[in-house]
Structure formats: structure tokens, C-alpha cells
Amino acid sequence: MKTRSFTVLALLLAVVACAPQQAANTFVANTKPANELRSMQTRVVEADRETTARGIIATLQDLGYRITRADAEAGTISATRLTGLRLAATVEDRARNQTIVRANASVLALGRETQVDDPNFYQANFFVPLGNTVARNLMVAPPDGSGPAAPRPVAERLPGQRQAPPASGEPRPARP
């Protein structure tokens, strides 16, 4: 009887081990020129860096995102919505009592992660609510390219989901 149970258990484990693994998401970057993308993703906020970062976190939480990573030293915040939407924001000092914010969003679909390249999305779904949260007007950033680099959104792993490999040149995230 024990031998039969052991055989069934071994057979079950072998079947589970041979099950296909979930493929990592392929990241699909947009095809718009960098200066056009930077223009739609970047705004100047009349506030210090800490106030702006706190405003971003509050805005994202108000919009139904879960904060997945916040690094005050680097000035980056990543968040995820259950609908498969990821958003990351970078905050940098620009001038006295002025910061520059760049947001980068991507949408998850089966096996793909596609970067959002619609200026109306960023304006209506991030910058207007952020301006309301920090009670300040946000200004369009100058076209000189002085804004921060666009961060790639990072999300937590859901149960049964493999970690996607980082894009080339990005450091591998620490395991929780």
C-alpha cells in the first residue's frame, strides 16, 4: 500500500514538474521620438522634492494604485493597479523650491508589457490629479531635455508569477 501511494505521489510530482512555465513578459517600447515622449511624461512642480514625492504617493493611492517601490534617495516611485497598469515616477530637484517629475506607464497583457505613449493619458490620469493633490499648477517642462530619465515601472510578483528579467543596463531588483 505504501509503495503504491509513493508511486502515485512520484508520478504526480513528475507531471507537475513538466508543466509549462509562464513565459516572461516581453517589453514593447513605443516608437515615438524621445523628445516627444519626454514632453508628454514630464512636468515642473512648484514644490520641494519631498513634498512632490509625498504628493505622487498620495495621488497614486487615491487613483487605486498599490505602491510597489519607493526610494526617497533615488527619487523613484513605482506603483501597480490590479488592471495590469504600472506607473513609475521620478522626482528631481530643478531649482530652488521647484522639482521636475517624469512619469512612465505601461500596460500588461498576455506575455507583453507595452509602454503608454498617449499624452492625454499622462495629463488626465496622473498630472491633473497630482496638481490637485499638491494644490499647485504643474507646468510643462522646457524642451531642452533637462528632465530625468524615464523609469521603467516595477511591480511586485504575484503568486505563481516569475520575475521578468531586467532590461539591459538595469540593475536586477532585490528579492523581497
N, C-alpha and C. Protein backbone atom coordinates (compact mmCIF):
# COMPACT_ATOMS: atom_id res chain seq x y z
N MET A 1 0.82 -1.19 0.00
CA MET A 1 0.00 0.00 0.00
C MET A 1 0.87 1.26 0.00
N LYS A 2 1.94 1.25 0.85
CA LYS A 2 2.83 2.40 0.90
C LYS A 2 3.54 2.59 -0.43
N THR A 3 3.94 1.53 -1.06
CA THR A 3 4.63 1.61 -2.34
C THR A 3 3.72 2.20 -3.40
N ARG A 4 2.47 1.83 -3.39
CA ARG A 4 1.52 2.34 -4.37
C ARG A 4 1.29 3.85 -4.16
N SER A 5 1.15 4.28 -2.91
CA SER A 5 0.97 5.70 -2.61
C SER A 5 2.21 6.50 -3.03
N PHE A 6 3.38 5.93 -2.75
CA PHE A 6 4.62 6.60 -3.13
C PHE A 6 4.74 6.73 -4.65
N THR A 7 4.34 5.69 -5.37
CA THR A 7 4.38 5.70 -6.83
C THR A 7 3.45 6.76 -7.39
N VAL A 8 2.23 6.85 -6.85
CA VAL A 8 1.26 7.86 -7.30
C VAL A 8 1.79 9.26 -7.01
N LEU A 9 2.36 9.45 -5.85
CA LEU A 9 2.92 10.76 -5.48
C LEU A 9 4.08 11.12 -6.40
N ALA A 10 4.96 10.18 -6.69
CA ALA A 10 6.09 10.44 -7.58
C ALA A 10 5.61 10.78 -8.98
N LEU A 11 4.59 10.07 -9.46
CA LEU A 11 4.03 10.34 -10.78
C LEU A 11 3.39 11.73 -10.82
N LEU A 12 2.68 12.12 -9.78
CA LEU A 12 2.06 13.43 -9.69
C LEU A 12 3.11 14.54 -9.69
N LEU A 13 4.18 14.35 -8.94
CA LEU A 13 5.26 15.34 -8.92
C LEU A 13 5.93 15.46 -10.28
N ALA A 14 6.09 14.36 -10.98
CA ALA A 14 6.71 14.39 -12.30
C ALA A 14 5.84 15.16 -13.29
N VAL A 15 4.53 14.98 -13.21
CA VAL A 15 3.62 15.70 -14.11
C VAL A 15 3.65 17.20 -13.81
N VAL A 16 3.64 17.57 -12.53
CA VAL A 16 3.69 18.99 -12.16
C VAL A 16 5.01 19.62 -12.59
N ALA A 17 6.10 18.90 -12.44
CA ALA A 17 7.42 19.43 -12.82
C ALA A 17 7.53 19.66 -14.32
N CYS A 18 6.80 18.88 -15.10
CA CYS A 18 6.87 19.02 -16.56
C CYS A 18 5.87 20.03 -17.11
N ALA A 19 5.05 20.61 -16.26
CA ALA A 19 4.06 21.59 -16.73
C ALA A 19 4.79 22.80 -17.29
N PRO A 20 4.25 23.41 -18.35
CA PRO A 20 4.92 24.57 -18.95
C PRO A 20 4.98 25.73 -17.97
N GLN A 21 6.11 26.39 -17.94
CA GLN A 21 6.30 27.55 -17.08
C GLN A 21 5.76 28.80 -17.77
N GLN A 22 5.29 29.76 -16.97
CA GLN A 22 4.78 31.01 -17.54
C GLN A 22 5.95 31.80 -18.13
N ALA A 23 5.80 32.23 -19.38
CA ALA A 23 6.85 32.98 -20.05
C ALA A 23 6.95 34.39 -19.47
N ALA A 24 8.14 34.95 -19.48
CA ALA A 24 8.34 36.32 -19.01
C ALA A 24 7.71 37.28 -20.01
N ASN A 25 7.26 38.43 -19.50
CA ASN A 25 6.66 39.43 -20.38
C ASN A 25 7.72 40.05 -21.28
N THR A 26 7.34 40.30 -22.52
CA THR A 26 8.19 41.00 -23.46
C THR A 26 7.85 42.47 -23.36
N PHE A 27 8.84 43.33 -23.16
CA PHE A 27 8.59 44.76 -23.05
C PHE A 27 8.59 45.38 -24.44
N VAL A 28 7.49 46.08 -24.76
CA VAL A 28 7.35 46.73 -26.06
C VAL A 28 7.43 48.24 -25.84
N ALA A 29 8.54 48.83 -26.21
CA ALA A 29 8.71 50.28 -26.07
C ALA A 29 7.95 50.98 -27.19
N ASN A 30 7.63 52.24 -26.98
CA ASN A 30 6.91 52.98 -28.03
C ASN A 30 7.86 53.36 -29.16
N THR A 31 7.28 53.88 -30.22
CA THR A 31 8.09 54.24 -31.39
C THR A 31 8.16 55.75 -31.59
N LYS A 32 7.65 56.52 -30.64
CA LYS A 32 7.69 57.98 -30.76
C LYS A 32 9.10 58.49 -30.49
N PRO A 33 9.45 59.65 -31.05
CA PRO A 33 10.76 60.23 -30.76
C PRO A 33 10.92 60.53 -29.26
N ALA A 34 12.14 60.43 -28.77
CA ALA A 34 12.41 60.62 -27.35
C ALA A 34 11.94 61.99 -26.84
N ASN A 35 12.16 63.06 -27.62
CA ASN A 35 11.76 64.39 -27.15
C ASN A 35 10.23 64.52 -27.04
N GLU A 36 9.50 63.86 -27.93
CA GLU A 36 8.03 63.88 -27.85
C GLU A 36 7.55 63.10 -26.62
N LEU A 37 8.14 61.95 -26.37
CA LEU A 37 7.80 61.16 -25.20
C LEU A 37 8.12 61.91 -23.92
N ARG A 38 9.31 62.51 -23.86
CA ARG A 38 9.72 63.28 -22.69
C ARG A 38 8.75 64.43 -22.42
N SER A 39 8.29 65.07 -23.47
CA SER A 39 7.38 66.19 -23.33
C SER A 39 6.05 65.77 -22.70
N MET A 40 5.52 64.62 -23.10
CA MET A 40 4.24 64.19 -22.55
C MET A 40 4.37 63.61 -21.14
N GLN A 41 5.56 63.15 -20.77
CA GLN A 41 5.76 62.49 -19.48
C GLN A 41 6.32 63.39 -18.39
N THR A 42 6.68 64.63 -18.69
CA THR A 42 7.41 65.47 -17.75
C THR A 42 6.66 66.76 -17.43
N ARG A 43 6.65 67.14 -16.14
CA ARG A 43 6.08 68.41 -15.69
C ARG A 43 6.95 68.98 -14.58
N VAL A 44 6.88 70.30 -14.42
CA VAL A 44 7.59 71.00 -13.36
C VAL A 44 6.59 71.34 -12.27
N VAL A 45 6.97 71.07 -11.02
CA VAL A 45 6.10 71.32 -9.87
C VAL A 45 6.76 72.39 -9.00
N GLU A 46 5.98 73.39 -8.61
CA GLU A 46 6.47 74.44 -7.71
C GLU A 46 6.40 73.95 -6.27
N ALA A 47 7.29 73.04 -5.93
CA ALA A 47 7.36 72.49 -4.57
C ALA A 47 8.71 71.81 -4.41
N ASP A 48 9.10 71.58 -3.15
CA ASP A 48 10.36 70.88 -2.92
C ASP A 48 10.20 69.40 -3.23
N ARG A 49 11.30 68.72 -3.29
CA ARG A 49 11.33 67.30 -3.71
C ARG A 49 10.51 66.41 -2.78
N GLU A 50 10.64 66.60 -1.48
CA GLU A 50 9.92 65.75 -0.53
C GLU A 50 8.41 65.94 -0.63
N THR A 51 7.95 67.19 -0.73
CA THR A 51 6.53 67.47 -0.86
C THR A 51 5.99 66.85 -2.15
N THR A 52 6.74 66.96 -3.23
CA THR A 52 6.32 66.41 -4.51
C THR A 52 6.25 64.89 -4.44
N ALA A 53 7.25 64.25 -3.87
CA ALA A 53 7.25 62.78 -3.76
C ALA A 53 6.08 62.30 -2.92
N ARG A 54 5.82 62.98 -1.82
CA ARG A 54 4.66 62.61 -0.99
C ARG A 54 3.36 62.81 -1.76
N GLY A 55 3.30 63.87 -2.55
CA GLY A 55 2.12 64.12 -3.37
C GLY A 55 1.91 63.03 -4.42
N ILE A 56 3.00 62.56 -5.01
CA ILE A 56 2.91 61.48 -6.00
C ILE A 56 2.37 60.22 -5.35
N ILE A 57 2.90 59.87 -4.19
CA ILE A 57 2.43 58.67 -3.48
C ILE A 57 0.95 58.79 -3.14
N ALA A 58 0.55 59.94 -2.61
CA ALA A 58 -0.86 60.14 -2.26
C ALA A 58 -1.75 60.08 -3.50
N THR A 59 -1.30 60.69 -4.59
CA THR A 59 -2.08 60.68 -5.84
C THR A 59 -2.25 59.26 -6.35
N LEU A 60 -1.18 58.50 -6.39
CA LEU A 60 -1.26 57.13 -6.88
C LEU A 60 -2.19 56.28 -6.02
N GLN A 61 -2.12 56.46 -4.70
CA GLN A 61 -3.01 55.71 -3.82
C GLN A 61 -4.46 56.13 -4.04
N ASP A 62 -4.71 57.42 -4.22
CA ASP A 62 -6.07 57.91 -4.49
C ASP A 62 -6.61 57.34 -5.80
N LEU A 63 -5.74 57.09 -6.77
CA LEU A 63 -6.14 56.56 -8.07
C LEU A 63 -6.26 55.04 -8.08
N GLY A 64 -6.05 54.40 -6.95
CA GLY A 64 -6.22 52.95 -6.86
C GLY A 64 -4.98 52.12 -7.13
N TYR A 65 -3.82 52.75 -7.11
CA TYR A 65 -2.57 52.03 -7.30
C TYR A 65 -2.07 51.50 -5.96
N ARG A 66 -1.28 50.43 -6.03
CA ARG A 66 -0.56 49.94 -4.87
C ARG A 66 0.90 50.31 -5.06
N ILE A 67 1.47 50.99 -4.10
CA ILE A 67 2.88 51.39 -4.19
C ILE A 67 3.73 50.12 -4.03
N THR A 68 4.55 49.84 -5.04
CA THR A 68 5.37 48.63 -5.02
C THR A 68 6.82 48.94 -4.65
N ARG A 69 7.24 50.16 -4.86
CA ARG A 69 8.60 50.55 -4.50
C ARG A 69 8.65 52.07 -4.40
N ALA A 70 9.30 52.56 -3.34
CA ALA A 70 9.53 53.99 -3.18
C ALA A 70 10.94 54.15 -2.62
N ASP A 71 11.77 54.88 -3.33
CA ASP A 71 13.15 55.10 -2.92
C ASP A 71 13.38 56.60 -2.84
N ALA A 72 13.36 57.13 -1.61
CA ALA A 72 13.49 58.57 -1.41
C ALA A 72 14.83 59.09 -1.91
N GLU A 73 15.89 58.32 -1.71
CA GLU A 73 17.22 58.77 -2.12
C GLU A 73 17.33 58.90 -3.64
N ALA A 74 16.79 57.91 -4.35
CA ALA A 74 16.83 57.95 -5.81
C ALA A 74 15.71 58.80 -6.39
N GLY A 75 14.69 59.08 -5.60
CA GLY A 75 13.56 59.88 -6.07
C GLY A 75 12.65 59.12 -7.02
N THR A 76 12.52 57.79 -6.83
CA THR A 76 11.67 56.99 -7.71
C THR A 76 10.54 56.35 -6.93
N ILE A 77 9.39 56.25 -7.58
CA ILE A 77 8.21 55.63 -7.01
C ILE A 77 7.60 54.75 -8.10
N SER A 78 7.32 53.50 -7.78
CA SER A 78 6.66 52.59 -8.71
C SER A 78 5.37 52.12 -8.08
N ALA A 79 4.34 51.94 -8.92
CA ALA A 79 3.04 51.50 -8.43
C ALA A 79 2.36 50.65 -9.48
N THR A 80 1.43 49.82 -9.02
CA THR A 80 0.71 48.90 -9.89
C THR A 80 -0.78 48.95 -9.56
N ARG A 81 -1.59 48.83 -10.59
CA ARG A 81 -3.03 48.65 -10.44
C ARG A 81 -3.36 47.22 -10.79
N LEU A 82 -4.41 46.69 -10.20
CA LEU A 82 -4.80 45.32 -10.49
C LEU A 82 -5.22 45.14 -11.94
N THR A 83 -5.56 46.20 -12.62
CA THR A 83 -5.99 46.10 -14.01
C THR A 83 -4.83 45.84 -14.96
N GLY A 84 -3.63 45.74 -14.44
CA GLY A 84 -2.47 45.50 -15.30
C GLY A 84 -1.79 46.77 -15.74
N LEU A 85 -1.99 47.83 -15.00
CA LEU A 85 -1.37 49.11 -15.32
C LEU A 85 -0.27 49.38 -14.31
N ARG A 86 0.92 49.69 -14.81
CA ARG A 86 2.07 50.02 -13.97
C ARG A 86 2.48 51.45 -14.25
N LEU A 87 2.89 52.16 -13.21
CA LEU A 87 3.34 53.53 -13.39
C LEU A 87 4.54 53.77 -12.47
N ALA A 88 5.55 54.42 -13.01
CA ALA A 88 6.72 54.80 -12.22
C ALA A 88 6.94 56.29 -12.41
N ALA A 89 7.39 56.94 -11.36
CA ALA A 89 7.66 58.38 -11.43
C ALA A 89 9.03 58.66 -10.82
N THR A 90 9.70 59.64 -11.41
CA THR A 90 10.99 60.09 -10.91
C THR A 90 10.87 61.56 -10.55
N VAL A 91 11.43 61.94 -9.41
CA VAL A 91 11.40 63.33 -8.94
C VAL A 91 12.84 63.81 -8.80
N GLU A 92 13.14 64.95 -9.41
CA GLU A 92 14.48 65.55 -9.29
C GLU A 92 14.35 67.03 -8.99
N ASP A 93 15.30 67.54 -8.23
CA ASP A 93 15.35 68.99 -7.98
C ASP A 93 15.66 69.70 -9.29
N ARG A 94 15.00 70.82 -9.51
CA ARG A 94 15.26 71.60 -10.72
C ARG A 94 15.86 72.95 -10.36
N ALA A 95 15.21 73.64 -9.45
CA ALA A 95 15.66 74.95 -8.97
C ALA A 95 15.18 75.05 -7.52
N ARG A 96 15.47 76.18 -6.91
CA ARG A 96 15.03 76.38 -5.53
C ARG A 96 13.51 76.25 -5.47
N ASN A 97 13.04 75.32 -4.61
CA ASN A 97 11.62 75.08 -4.39
C ASN A 97 10.89 74.69 -5.69
N GLN A 98 11.57 73.97 -6.55
CA GLN A 98 10.98 73.54 -7.82
C GLN A 98 11.54 72.16 -8.17
N THR A 99 10.66 71.26 -8.53
CA THR A 99 11.09 69.91 -8.92
C THR A 99 10.54 69.57 -10.29
N ILE A 100 11.16 68.58 -10.89
CA ILE A 100 10.69 68.10 -12.18
C ILE A 100 10.29 66.64 -12.00
N VAL A 101 9.12 66.29 -12.51
CA VAL A 101 8.56 64.95 -12.36
C VAL A 101 8.43 64.33 -13.73
N ARG A 102 8.87 63.08 -13.84
CA ARG A 102 8.66 62.33 -15.08
C ARG A 102 7.97 61.03 -14.73
N ALA A 103 6.88 60.76 -15.42
CA ALA A 103 6.10 59.54 -15.20
C ALA A 103 6.26 58.63 -16.41
N ASN A 104 6.21 57.35 -16.18
CA ASN A 104 6.29 56.37 -17.26
C ASN A 104 5.30 55.26 -16.92
N ALA A 105 4.37 54.99 -17.83
CA ALA A 105 3.35 53.98 -17.60
C ALA A 105 3.46 52.86 -18.62
N SER A 106 3.05 51.68 -18.21
CA SER A 106 2.99 50.55 -19.13
C SER A 106 1.77 49.70 -18.78
N VAL A 107 1.27 49.00 -19.79
CA VAL A 107 0.09 48.15 -19.64
C VAL A 107 0.51 46.71 -19.85
N LEU A 108 0.06 45.84 -18.96
CA LEU A 108 0.37 44.42 -19.07
C LEU A 108 -0.75 43.70 -19.81
N ALA A 109 -0.37 42.87 -20.73
CA ALA A 109 -1.29 41.97 -21.43
C ALA A 109 -0.64 40.59 -21.43
N LEU A 110 -1.27 39.62 -22.01
CA LEU A 110 -0.70 38.27 -22.01
C LEU A 110 0.67 38.24 -22.68
N GLY A 111 1.71 38.07 -21.87
CA GLY A 111 3.06 37.95 -22.38
C GLY A 111 3.69 39.23 -22.89
N ARG A 112 3.02 40.37 -22.73
CA ARG A 112 3.55 41.65 -23.24
C ARG A 112 3.37 42.74 -22.20
N GLU A 113 4.30 43.65 -22.18
CA GLU A 113 4.20 44.88 -21.40
C GLU A 113 4.46 46.02 -22.38
N THR A 114 3.44 46.86 -22.61
CA THR A 114 3.52 47.90 -23.63
C THR A 114 3.56 49.27 -22.97
N GLN A 115 4.51 50.08 -23.37
CA GLN A 115 4.66 51.43 -22.84
C GLN A 115 3.53 52.33 -23.34
N VAL A 116 2.96 53.13 -22.44
CA VAL A 116 1.89 54.06 -22.79
C VAL A 116 2.52 55.29 -23.45
N ASP A 117 1.99 55.68 -24.63
CA ASP A 117 2.55 56.84 -25.33
C ASP A 117 1.46 57.83 -25.74
N ASP A 118 0.42 57.94 -24.91
CA ASP A 118 -0.68 58.86 -25.17
C ASP A 118 -0.56 60.06 -24.22
N PRO A 119 -0.36 61.27 -24.75
CA PRO A 119 -0.21 62.44 -23.88
C PRO A 119 -1.45 62.69 -23.02
N ASN A 120 -2.64 62.38 -23.53
CA ASN A 120 -3.86 62.57 -22.75
C ASN A 120 -3.91 61.66 -21.54
N PHE A 121 -3.35 60.46 -21.66
CA PHE A 121 -3.30 59.55 -20.52
C PHE A 121 -2.51 60.18 -19.37
N TYR A 122 -1.31 60.65 -19.67
CA TYR A 122 -0.47 61.22 -18.61
C TYR A 122 -1.10 62.47 -18.01
N GLN A 123 -1.66 63.32 -18.85
CA GLN A 123 -2.27 64.56 -18.37
C GLN A 123 -3.48 64.27 -17.49
N ALA A 124 -4.44 63.51 -18.01
CA ALA A 124 -5.70 63.28 -17.30
C ALA A 124 -5.57 62.30 -16.14
N ASN A 125 -4.72 61.30 -16.28
CA ASN A 125 -4.66 60.22 -15.30
C ASN A 125 -3.48 60.30 -14.33
N PHE A 126 -2.67 61.34 -14.45
CA PHE A 126 -1.60 61.49 -13.47
C PHE A 126 -1.33 62.95 -13.12
N PHE A 127 -1.04 63.79 -14.10
CA PHE A 127 -0.61 65.15 -13.78
C PHE A 127 -1.73 66.03 -13.22
N VAL A 128 -2.95 65.95 -13.75
CA VAL A 128 -4.06 66.75 -13.18
C VAL A 128 -4.35 66.31 -11.75
N PRO A 129 -4.50 64.99 -11.48
CA PRO A 129 -4.70 64.59 -10.08
C PRO A 129 -3.52 64.96 -9.17
N LEU A 130 -2.28 64.88 -9.68
CA LEU A 130 -1.12 65.27 -8.88
C LEU A 130 -1.20 66.76 -8.55
N GLY A 131 -1.53 67.60 -9.53
CA GLY A 131 -1.67 69.04 -9.28
C GLY A 131 -2.73 69.33 -8.23
N ASN A 132 -3.83 68.56 -8.27
CA ASN A 132 -4.88 68.74 -7.27
C ASN A 132 -4.40 68.31 -5.89
N THR A 133 -3.63 67.23 -5.82
CA THR A 133 -3.14 66.74 -4.53
C THR A 133 -2.16 67.72 -3.89
N VAL A 134 -1.22 68.24 -4.66
CA VAL A 134 -0.23 69.15 -4.09
C VAL A 134 -0.72 70.60 -4.11
N ALA A 135 -1.94 70.80 -4.62
CA ALA A 135 -2.58 72.13 -4.68
C ALA A 135 -1.70 73.16 -5.37
N ARG A 136 -1.13 72.75 -6.50
CA ARG A 136 -0.29 73.63 -7.30
C ARG A 136 -0.53 73.36 -8.77
N ASN A 137 -0.24 74.34 -9.57
CA ASN A 137 -0.29 74.15 -11.01
C ASN A 137 1.00 73.50 -11.47
N LEU A 138 0.88 72.59 -12.40
CA LEU A 138 2.06 71.95 -12.96
C LEU A 138 2.34 72.58 -14.31
N MET A 139 3.60 72.85 -14.56
CA MET A 139 4.00 73.50 -15.81
C MET A 139 4.65 72.48 -16.74
N VAL A 140 4.50 72.70 -18.01
CA VAL A 140 5.16 71.85 -18.99
C VAL A 140 6.66 72.09 -18.86
N ALA A 141 7.41 71.02 -18.89
CA ALA A 141 8.86 71.13 -18.75
C ALA A 141 9.45 71.72 -20.03
N PRO A 142 10.56 72.45 -19.90
CA PRO A 142 11.19 73.01 -21.09
C PRO A 142 11.68 71.90 -22.02
N PRO A 143 11.67 72.14 -23.32
CA PRO A 143 12.04 71.10 -24.28
C PRO A 143 13.54 70.85 -24.39
N ASP A 144 14.33 71.37 -23.46
CA ASP A 144 15.79 71.22 -23.56
C ASP A 144 16.30 69.85 -23.14
N GLY A 145 15.38 68.96 -22.72
CA GLY A 145 15.81 67.62 -22.34
C GLY A 145 16.42 67.54 -20.97
N SER A 146 16.18 68.53 -20.10
CA SER A 146 16.81 68.55 -18.79
C SER A 146 16.08 67.68 -17.78
N GLY A 147 15.01 67.01 -18.17
CA GLY A 147 14.25 66.17 -17.25
C GLY A 147 14.95 64.86 -16.96
N PRO A 148 14.45 64.16 -15.95
CA PRO A 148 15.05 62.87 -15.59
C PRO A 148 14.75 61.80 -16.64
N ALA A 149 15.52 60.75 -16.60
CA ALA A 149 15.28 59.62 -17.50
C ALA A 149 13.99 58.93 -17.07
N ALA A 150 13.29 58.35 -18.02
CA ALA A 150 12.02 57.68 -17.72
C ALA A 150 12.30 56.37 -16.99
N PRO A 151 11.73 56.21 -15.80
CA PRO A 151 11.92 54.96 -15.08
C PRO A 151 11.02 53.88 -15.66
N ARG A 152 11.46 52.65 -15.59
CA ARG A 152 10.60 51.54 -16.02
C ARG A 152 9.82 51.09 -14.80
N PRO A 153 8.49 50.99 -14.91
CA PRO A 153 7.69 50.57 -13.75
C PRO A 153 8.09 49.20 -13.25
N VAL A 154 8.12 49.05 -11.95
CA VAL A 154 8.45 47.78 -11.31
C VAL A 154 7.24 47.37 -10.50
N ALA A 155 6.86 46.12 -10.60
CA ALA A 155 5.71 45.63 -9.85
C ALA A 155 6.12 44.46 -8.98
N GLU A 156 5.29 44.22 -7.97
CA GLU A 156 5.57 43.06 -7.16
C GLU A 156 5.18 41.81 -7.93
N ARG A 157 5.78 40.72 -7.54
CA ARG A 157 5.42 39.45 -8.15
C ARG A 157 4.15 38.96 -7.51
N LEU A 158 3.22 38.53 -8.32
CA LEU A 158 2.01 37.92 -7.82
C LEU A 158 2.27 36.44 -7.63
N PRO A 159 1.49 35.75 -6.78
CA PRO A 159 1.73 34.32 -6.57
C PRO A 159 1.73 33.57 -7.90
N GLY A 160 2.74 32.74 -8.08
CA GLY A 160 2.85 31.93 -9.30
C GLY A 160 3.44 32.67 -10.48
N GLN A 161 3.86 33.92 -10.31
CA GLN A 161 4.39 34.71 -11.42
C GLN A 161 5.90 34.79 -11.30
N ARG A 162 6.59 34.57 -12.42
CA ARG A 162 8.05 34.66 -12.42
C ARG A 162 8.45 36.11 -12.59
N GLN A 163 9.61 36.45 -12.06
CA GLN A 163 10.16 37.80 -12.20
C GLN A 163 10.70 37.95 -13.61
N ALA A 164 10.28 39.01 -14.30
CA ALA A 164 10.79 39.28 -15.64
C ALA A 164 12.23 39.73 -15.53
N PRO A 165 13.07 39.36 -16.48
CA PRO A 165 14.46 39.80 -16.43
C PRO A 165 14.53 41.30 -16.65
N PRO A 166 15.48 41.99 -16.00
CA PRO A 166 15.59 43.43 -16.19
C PRO A 166 16.05 43.76 -17.61
N ALA A 167 15.69 44.94 -18.06
CA ALA A 167 16.15 45.41 -19.37
C ALA A 167 17.65 45.57 -19.30
N SER A 168 18.31 45.51 -20.42
CA SER A 168 19.77 45.61 -20.42
C SER A 168 20.21 46.92 -19.79
N GLY A 169 21.18 46.83 -18.92
CA GLY A 169 21.71 48.03 -18.28
C GLY A 169 21.00 48.36 -16.98
N GLU A 170 19.86 47.71 -16.67
CA GLU A 170 19.16 47.97 -15.42
C GLU A 170 19.65 46.98 -14.36
N PRO A 171 19.79 47.44 -13.12
CA PRO A 171 20.21 46.51 -12.08
C PRO A 171 19.06 45.55 -11.77
N ARG A 172 19.40 44.33 -11.40
CA ARG A 172 18.39 43.34 -11.04
C ARG A 172 17.80 43.74 -9.69
N PRO A 173 16.44 43.79 -9.55
CA PRO A 173 15.84 44.18 -8.29
C PRO A 173 16.14 43.16 -7.19
N ALA A 174 16.24 43.65 -5.96
CA ALA A 174 16.48 42.79 -4.82
C ALA A 174 15.24 41.96 -4.55
N ARG A 175 15.44 40.75 -4.11
CA ARG A 175 14.29 39.88 -3.80
C ARG A 175 13.74 40.24 -2.44
N PRO A 176 12.38 40.27 -2.34
CA PRO A 176 11.78 40.60 -1.04
C PRO A 176 11.94 39.49 -0.05
